[in-house]
C-alpha atoms as a PDB file:
ATOM      1  CA  MET A   1     -26.378  25.740 -18.716  1.00  0.00           C
ATOM      2  CA  THR A   2     -25.520  29.260 -19.988  1.00  0.00           C
ATOM      3  CA  ASN A   3     -23.810  30.148 -16.755  1.00  0.00           C
ATOM      4  CA  LEU A   4     -21.139  27.234 -17.061  1.00  0.00           C
ATOM      5  CA  LYS A   5     -17.938  27.766 -18.309  1.00  0.00           C
ATOM      6  CA  MET A   6     -16.989  25.260 -21.045  1.00  0.00           C
ATOM      7  CA  SER A   7     -14.082  22.846 -20.498  1.00  0.00           C
ATOM      8  CA  SER A   8     -14.257  23.449 -16.617  1.00  0.00           C
ATOM      9  CA  TRP A   9     -14.454  21.092 -13.835  1.00  0.00           C
ATOM     10  CA  TYR A  10     -17.784  20.997 -11.754  1.00  0.00           C
ATOM     11  CA  ALA A  11     -19.125  19.140  -8.904  1.00  0.00           C
ATOM     12  CA  LEU A  12     -22.647  17.492  -9.033  1.00  0.00           C
ATOM     13  CA  GLN A  13     -24.246  16.653  -5.627  1.00  0.00           C
ATOM     14  CA  VAL A  14     -25.624  13.036  -6.037  1.00  0.00           C
ATOM     15  CA  ALA A  15     -27.927  10.732  -4.248  1.00  0.00           C
ATOM     16  CA  PRO A  16     -26.447   8.556  -1.487  1.00  0.00           C
ATOM     17  CA  ASN A  17     -24.482   5.664  -2.632  1.00  0.00           C
ATOM     18  CA  MET A  18     -24.834   6.793  -6.364  1.00  0.00           C
ATOM     19  CA  GLU A  19     -21.451   8.119  -6.855  1.00  0.00           C
ATOM     20  CA  ILE A  20     -20.373   5.190  -9.208  1.00  0.00           C
ATOM     21  CA  ARG A  21     -23.446   4.893 -11.187  1.00  0.00           C
ATOM     22  CA  VAL A  22     -23.608   8.518 -11.844  1.00  0.00           C
ATOM     23  CA  VAL A  23     -19.940   8.229 -13.168  1.00  0.00           C
ATOM     24  CA  ALA A  24     -20.817   5.415 -15.302  1.00  0.00           C
ATOM     25  CA  ALA A  25     -23.879   7.200 -16.784  1.00  0.00           C
ATOM     26  CA  LEU A  26     -21.961  10.551 -17.197  1.00  0.00           C
ATOM     27  CA  SER A  27     -19.217   8.574 -19.152  1.00  0.00           C
ATOM     28  CA  ALA A  28     -21.996   6.929 -21.273  1.00  0.00           C
ATOM     29  CA  LYS A  29     -23.169  10.557 -22.164  1.00  0.00           C
ATOM     30  CA  GLY A  30     -19.422  11.522 -23.177  1.00  0.00           C
ATOM     31  CA  TYR A  31     -18.579  13.470 -20.054  1.00  0.00           C
ATOM     32  CA  GLU A  32     -15.067  13.171 -18.602  1.00  0.00           C
ATOM     33  CA  SER A  33     -16.054  12.407 -14.816  1.00  0.00           C
ATOM     34  CA  PHE A  34     -14.842  10.806 -11.779  1.00  0.00           C
ATOM     35  CA  THR A  35     -15.393  10.085  -7.965  1.00  0.00           C
ATOM     36  CA  PRO A  36     -11.955   9.363  -6.088  1.00  0.00           C
ATOM     37  CA  THR A  37     -12.254   6.477  -3.918  1.00  0.00           C
ATOM     38  CA  TYR A  38     -10.495   4.714  -1.108  1.00  0.00           C
ATOM     39  CA  SER A  39     -10.232   1.376   0.245  1.00  0.00           C
ATOM     40  CA  ARG A  40     -12.176   0.818   3.384  1.00  0.00           C
ATOM     41  CA  LYS A  41     -11.979  -2.216   5.863  1.00  0.00           C
ATOM     42  CA  ARG A  42     -15.061  -3.567   7.695  1.00  0.00           C
ATOM     43  CA  SER A  43     -15.569  -6.409   9.931  1.00  0.00           C
ATOM     44  CA  SER A  44     -18.710  -8.036  10.258  1.00  0.00           C
ATOM     45  CA  LEU A  45     -19.329 -11.673  11.769  1.00  0.00           C
ATOM     46  CA  GLY A  46     -15.740 -12.289  12.254  1.00  0.00           C
ATOM     47  CA  ARG A  47     -14.785 -11.573   8.444  1.00  0.00           C
ATOM     48  CA  VAL A  48     -12.848  -8.348   7.326  1.00  0.00           C
ATOM     49  CA  ARG A  49     -14.326  -6.976   4.024  1.00  0.00           C
ATOM     50  CA  VAL A  50     -12.528  -4.383   2.036  1.00  0.00           C
ATOM     51  CA  SER A  51     -14.703  -2.086  -0.250  1.00  0.00           C
ATOM     52  CA  GLU A  52     -14.314   1.195  -2.057  1.00  0.00           C
ATOM     53  CA  SER A  53     -15.885   3.969  -0.672  1.00  0.00           C
ATOM     54  CA  PRO A  54     -15.986   7.692  -2.168  1.00  0.00           C
ATOM     55  CA  LEU A  55     -13.463  10.162  -0.628  1.00  0.00           C
ATOM     56  CA  PHE A  56     -16.174  12.614  -1.136  1.00  0.00           C
ATOM     57  CA  PRO A  57     -19.398  10.988  -0.363  1.00  0.00           C
ATOM     58  CA  GLY A  58     -22.441  12.661  -2.196  1.00  0.00           C
ATOM     59  CA  TYR A  59     -20.417  14.207  -4.961  1.00  0.00           C
ATOM     60  CA  VAL A  60     -19.191  13.552  -8.499  1.00  0.00           C
ATOM     61  CA  PHE A  61     -16.707  15.629 -10.424  1.00  0.00           C
ATOM     62  CA  PHE A  62     -17.213  16.126 -14.228  1.00  0.00           C
ATOM     63  CA  ARG A  63     -15.858  18.282 -16.997  1.00  0.00           C
ATOM     64  CA  LEU A  64     -18.008  20.358 -19.261  1.00  0.00           C
ATOM     65  CA  SER A  65     -16.370  20.611 -22.763  1.00  0.00           C
ATOM     66  CA  GLN A  66     -17.250  22.591 -25.687  1.00  0.00           C
ATOM     67  CA  ASP A  67     -18.637  19.963 -27.940  1.00  0.00           C
ATOM     68  CA  ASN A  68     -20.592  18.137 -25.115  1.00  0.00           C
ATOM     69  CA  THR A  69     -23.217  20.315 -23.516  1.00  0.00           C
ATOM     70  CA  GLY A  70     -25.658  17.600 -22.830  1.00  0.00           C
ATOM     71  CA  LEU A  71     -27.838  17.452 -19.483  1.00  0.00           C
ATOM     72  CA  ALA A  72     -25.722  16.106 -16.953  1.00  0.00           C
ATOM     73  CA  ILE A  73     -28.108  17.554 -14.337  1.00  0.00           C
ATOM     74  CA  ALA A  74     -30.897  14.851 -15.902  1.00  0.00           C
ATOM     75  CA  THR A  75     -28.817  12.166 -15.292  1.00  0.00           C
ATOM     76  CA  ALA A  76     -30.409   9.416 -12.810  1.00  0.00           C
ATOM     77  CA  GLY A  77     -28.889  10.252  -9.379  1.00  0.00           C
ATOM     78  CA  VAL A  78     -27.875  13.724  -9.754  1.00  0.00           C
ATOM     79  CA  ARG A  79     -29.584  16.208  -7.424  1.00  0.00           C
ATOM     80  CA  ARG A  80     -27.816  19.487  -8.515  1.00  0.00           C
ATOM     81  CA  ILE A  81     -24.739  21.008  -9.732  1.00  0.00           C
ATOM     82  CA  VAL A  82     -22.769  22.723  -6.789  1.00  0.00           C
ATOM     83  CA  ALA A  83     -23.509  26.505  -7.102  1.00  0.00           C
ATOM     84  CA  PHE A  84     -23.367  29.690  -4.825  1.00  0.00           C
ATOM     85  CA  GLY A  85     -25.615  32.403  -5.316  1.00  0.00           C
ATOM     86  CA  GLY A  86     -27.497  30.434  -7.989  1.00  0.00           C
ATOM     87  CA  LYS A  87     -24.376  30.157 -10.109  1.00  0.00           C
ATOM     88  CA  PRO A  88     -22.609  26.975 -10.794  1.00  0.00           C
ATOM     89  CA  CYS A  89     -19.097  27.128  -9.419  1.00  0.00           C
ATOM     90  CA  PRO A  90     -16.233  25.704 -11.278  1.00  0.00           C
ATOM     91  CA  ILE A  91     -13.417  23.692  -9.506  1.00  0.00           C
ATOM     92  CA  LEU A  92      -9.811  24.829  -9.851  1.00  0.00           C
ATOM     93  CA  GLU A  93      -7.940  22.704 -12.482  1.00  0.00           C
ATOM     94  CA  GLN A  94      -4.981  22.244  -9.917  1.00  0.00           C
ATOM     95  CA  GLU A  95      -7.340  20.706  -7.397  1.00  0.00           C
ATOM     96  CA  ILE A  96      -8.907  18.326  -9.824  1.00  0.00           C
ATOM     97  CA  GLU A  97      -5.223  17.304 -11.048  1.00  0.00           C
ATOM     98  CA  ALA A  98      -4.040  16.963  -7.312  1.00  0.00           C
ATOM     99  CA  LEU A  99      -6.822  14.374  -6.743  1.00  0.00           C
ATOM    100  CA  GLN A 100      -6.159  12.455  -9.875  1.00  0.00           C
ATOM    101  CA  LYS A 101      -2.499  12.373  -9.051  1.00  0.00           C
ATOM    102  CA  ILE A 102      -3.129  11.090  -5.607  1.00  0.00           C
ATOM    103  CA  ILE A 103      -5.535   8.338  -6.996  1.00  0.00           C
ATOM    104  CA  ARG A 104      -3.011   7.207  -9.748  1.00  0.00           C
ATOM    105  CA  SER A 105      -0.197   7.001  -7.121  1.00  0.00           C
ATOM    106  CA  GLU A 106      -2.312   4.532  -5.066  1.00  0.00           C
ATOM    107  CA  ALA A 107      -0.915   6.381  -2.072  1.00  0.00           C
ATOM    108  CA  LYS A 108      -3.088   5.866   1.165  1.00  0.00           C
ATOM    109  CA  ALA A 109      -5.808   8.428   1.100  1.00  0.00           C
ATOM    110  CA  SER A 110      -8.477   9.005   3.669  1.00  0.00           C
ATOM    111  CA  GLN A 111     -11.023  11.430   4.712  1.00  0.00           C
ATOM    112  CA  CYS A 112     -10.271  14.091   7.140  1.00  0.00           C
ATOM    113  CA  ALA A 113     -11.677  17.365   8.308  1.00  0.00           C
ATOM    114  CA  PHE A 114     -11.829  20.357   5.885  1.00  0.00           C
ATOM    115  CA  ILE A 115      -8.579  22.804   6.804  1.00  0.00           C
ATOM    116  CA  ARG A 116      -8.747  26.110   5.504  1.00  0.00           C
ATOM    117  CA  GLU A 117      -5.582  27.526   7.203  1.00  0.00           C
ATOM    118  CA  GLY A 118      -2.197  26.155   7.673  1.00  0.00           C
ATOM    119  CA  GLU A 119       1.021  25.992   5.688  1.00  0.00           C
ATOM    120  CA  LYS A 120       0.594  25.187   1.886  1.00  0.00           C
ATOM    121  CA  VAL A 121       3.404  22.850   1.052  1.00  0.00           C
ATOM    122  CA  MET A 122       4.195  20.966  -2.198  1.00  0.00           C
ATOM    123  CA  VAL A 123       5.536  17.451  -2.349  1.00  0.00           C
ATOM    124  CA  GLY A 124       8.899  17.675  -4.086  1.00  0.00           C
ATOM    125  CA  GLU A 125       9.612  13.911  -5.085  1.00  0.00           C
ATOM    126  CA  GLY A 126       8.159  10.530  -5.500  1.00  0.00           C
ATOM    127  CA  PRO A 127       4.779   9.543  -7.144  1.00  0.00           C
ATOM    128  CA  LEU A 128       3.037  12.737  -5.534  1.00  0.00           C
ATOM    129  CA  ALA A 129       5.620  15.205  -6.853  1.00  0.00           C
ATOM    130  CA  GLY A 130       3.994  18.438  -7.357  1.00  0.00           C
ATOM    131  CA  VAL A 131       0.874  18.062  -5.415  1.00  0.00           C
ATOM    132  CA  VAL A 132       0.205  21.179  -3.268  1.00  0.00           C
ATOM    133  CA  GLY A 133      -1.705  20.965  -0.039  1.00  0.00           C
ATOM    134  CA  THR A 134      -1.821  21.622   3.598  1.00  0.00           C
ATOM    135  CA  LEU A 135       0.640  19.845   6.010  1.00  0.00           C
ATOM    136  CA  LEU A 136      -0.720  18.103   8.688  1.00  0.00           C
ATOM    137  CA  LYS A 137       1.167  16.036  11.386  1.00  0.00           C
ATOM    138  CA  ILE A 138      -0.715  13.622  13.476  1.00  0.00           C
ATOM    139  CA  LYS A 139       1.576  12.032  16.129  1.00  0.00           C
ATOM    140  CA  LYS A 140       4.705  11.054  14.132  1.00  0.00           C
ATOM    141  CA  ASN A 141       2.953  10.681  10.816  1.00  0.00           C
ATOM    142  CA  ARG A 142       3.002  13.375   8.292  1.00  0.00           C
ATOM    143  CA  LYS A 143      -0.035  13.814   5.919  1.00  0.00           C
ATOM    144  CA  LEU A 144      -0.879  16.158   2.884  1.00  0.00           C
ATOM    145  CA  VAL A 145      -4.352  17.484   3.055  1.00  0.00           C
ATOM    146  CA  VAL A 146      -5.775  18.450  -0.280  1.00  0.00           C
ATOM    147  CA  SER A 147      -8.947  20.277  -0.400  1.00  0.00           C
ATOM    148  CA  ILE A 148     -11.771  21.114  -2.799  1.00  0.00           C
ATOM    149  CA  ASP A 149     -12.595  24.640  -1.313  1.00  0.00           C
ATOM    150  CA  ILE A 150     -16.198  25.010  -2.706  1.00  0.00           C
ATOM    151  CA  LEU A 151     -17.370  21.800  -1.446  1.00  0.00           C
ATOM    152  CA  MET A 152     -15.479  22.309   1.917  1.00  0.00           C
ATOM    153  CA  ARG A 153     -14.206  18.873   1.930  1.00  0.00           C
ATOM    154  CA  SER A 154     -10.820  17.555   2.000  1.00  0.00           C
ATOM    155  CA  ILE A 155      -8.956  14.386   1.929  1.00  0.00           C
ATOM    156  CA  ALA A 156      -5.542  13.456   3.669  1.00  0.00           C
ATOM    157  CA  VAL A 157      -2.796  11.383   2.083  1.00  0.00           C
ATOM    158  CA  ASP A 158       0.210  10.078   3.921  1.00  0.00           C
ATOM    159  CA  ILE A 159       3.668  11.524   2.723  1.00  0.00           C
ATOM    160  CA  GLY A 160       5.884   9.721   4.850  1.00  0.00           C
ATOM    161  CA  SER A 161       9.385  11.034   4.473  1.00  0.00           C
ATOM    162  CA  TYR A 162       8.881  12.555   1.101  1.00  0.00           C
ATOM    163  CA  THR A 163      10.684  15.928   0.786  1.00  0.00           C
ATOM    164  CA  ILE A 164       8.317  18.946   0.994  1.00  0.00           C
ATOM    165  CA  VAL A 165       8.850  22.507  -0.123  1.00  0.00           C
ATOM    166  CA  SER A 166       6.872  25.455   0.758  1.00  0.00           C
ATOM    167  CA  ALA A 167       4.252  26.465  -1.794  1.00  0.00           C
ATOM    168  CA  GLU A 168       5.304  30.146  -1.603  1.00  0.00           C
ATOM    169  CA  GLY A 169       8.988  29.898  -1.337  1.00  0.00           C
ATOM    170  CA  PRO A 170      12.072  28.089  -0.163  1.00  0.00           C
ATOM    171  CA  SER A 171      12.282  24.384   1.236  1.00  0.00           C
ATOM    172  CA  LEU A 172      10.308  23.607   4.364  1.00  0.00           C
ATOM    173  CA  ARG A 173      11.944  21.511   7.040  1.00  0.00           C
ATOM    174  CA  VAL A 174       9.635  19.376   9.090  1.00  0.00           C
ATOM    175  CA  ALA A 175      10.532  16.930  11.862  1.00  0.00           C
ATOM    176  CA  ALA A 176       9.636  13.492  10.955  1.00  0.00           C
END
């Protein structure tokens, strides 16, 4: 663990359907961890069931702090820490903060394709104020795409008629 920056967020790749169990085990070990989820409707035998599913299937986020350098990798269900070139990669603090803000806001979020290019925008009002992402328009609905670059995964959240501004400059006008 000598390559890890203390008090940074990292992603763990976990076994299928183990996200919630891994978060619970990491929390018991003293780690700050989470896996963002969304409500998913499924119909079976004429019944509609709502269940919580991970927005980033197969991944759990955790913070490594100075006073807690235990072995997160040794947690049951953990496959590996996300790394490139053999070096664990910290996740940008603002990416994690954006995810946490979206989850706390209870805005309708869903999985979407990873988007690297596009206009970076920031929500200017409401429960998502300050969240930066990429503007996406699907038919008449506006969505904000928030990405975790090192995982090459994104989520989309409905932003309705919230005011958005360019993340690099003046206000951005977008037709609703």
